[in-house]
Amino acid sequence: MKAFLSAVVVMVLITIAAPYALDQIGFSAADAGSGSAVRLD
């Protein structure tokens, strides 16, 4: 049970921290989903 609760806590922390961490390194979903190399069929 401790392992399950630990896994849930880690998943929640990663989910909360990921947008901030990705923003700090310059990753943007808007930039990745637009540009000259993106095909919109």
Protein backbone atom coordinates (compact mmCIF):
# COMPACT_ATOMS: atom_id res chain seq x y z
CA MET A 1 0.00 0.00 0.00
CA LYS A 2 2.89 2.36 0.75
CA ALA A 3 4.33 1.80 -2.71
CA PHE A 4 0.98 2.61 -4.35
CA LEU A 5 0.53 5.80 -2.34
CA SER A 6 4.11 6.83 -3.10
CA ALA A 7 3.52 6.28 -6.80
CA VAL A 8 0.34 8.36 -6.73
CA VAL A 9 2.10 11.20 -4.89
CA VAL A 10 4.98 11.14 -7.39
CA MET A 11 2.58 11.19 -10.35
CA VAL A 12 0.71 14.16 -8.89
CA LEU A 13 3.95 16.05 -8.25
CA ILE A 14 5.21 15.39 -11.78
CA THR A 15 1.87 16.47 -13.24
CA ILE A 16 1.95 19.72 -11.29
CA ALA A 17 5.65 20.47 -11.84
CA ALA A 18 5.94 19.51 -15.52
CA PRO A 19 4.43 22.67 -17.06
CA TYR A 20 6.67 24.89 -14.94
CA ALA A 21 9.79 22.86 -15.71
CA LEU A 22 9.07 22.74 -19.43
CA ASP A 23 8.40 26.47 -19.46
CA GLN A 24 11.76 27.10 -17.79
CA ILE A 25 13.66 25.18 -20.49
CA GLY A 26 11.75 26.93 -23.27
CA PHE A 27 9.43 24.17 -24.45
CA SER A 28 6.06 25.36 -25.66
CA ALA A 29 3.31 23.15 -27.08
CA ALA A 30 2.20 26.10 -29.21
CA ASP A 31 5.67 26.35 -30.74
CA ALA A 32 5.89 22.60 -31.27
CA GLY A 33 2.47 22.47 -32.95
CA SER A 34 2.98 25.35 -35.35
CA GLY A 35 5.55 26.43 -37.86
CA SER A 36 6.64 25.67 -41.39
CA ALA A 37 7.20 21.94 -40.74
CA VAL A 38 3.63 21.29 -39.56
CA ARG A 39 1.13 19.91 -42.06
CA LEU A 40 -2.53 20.61 -41.49
CA ASP A 41 -4.44 18.26 -43.77
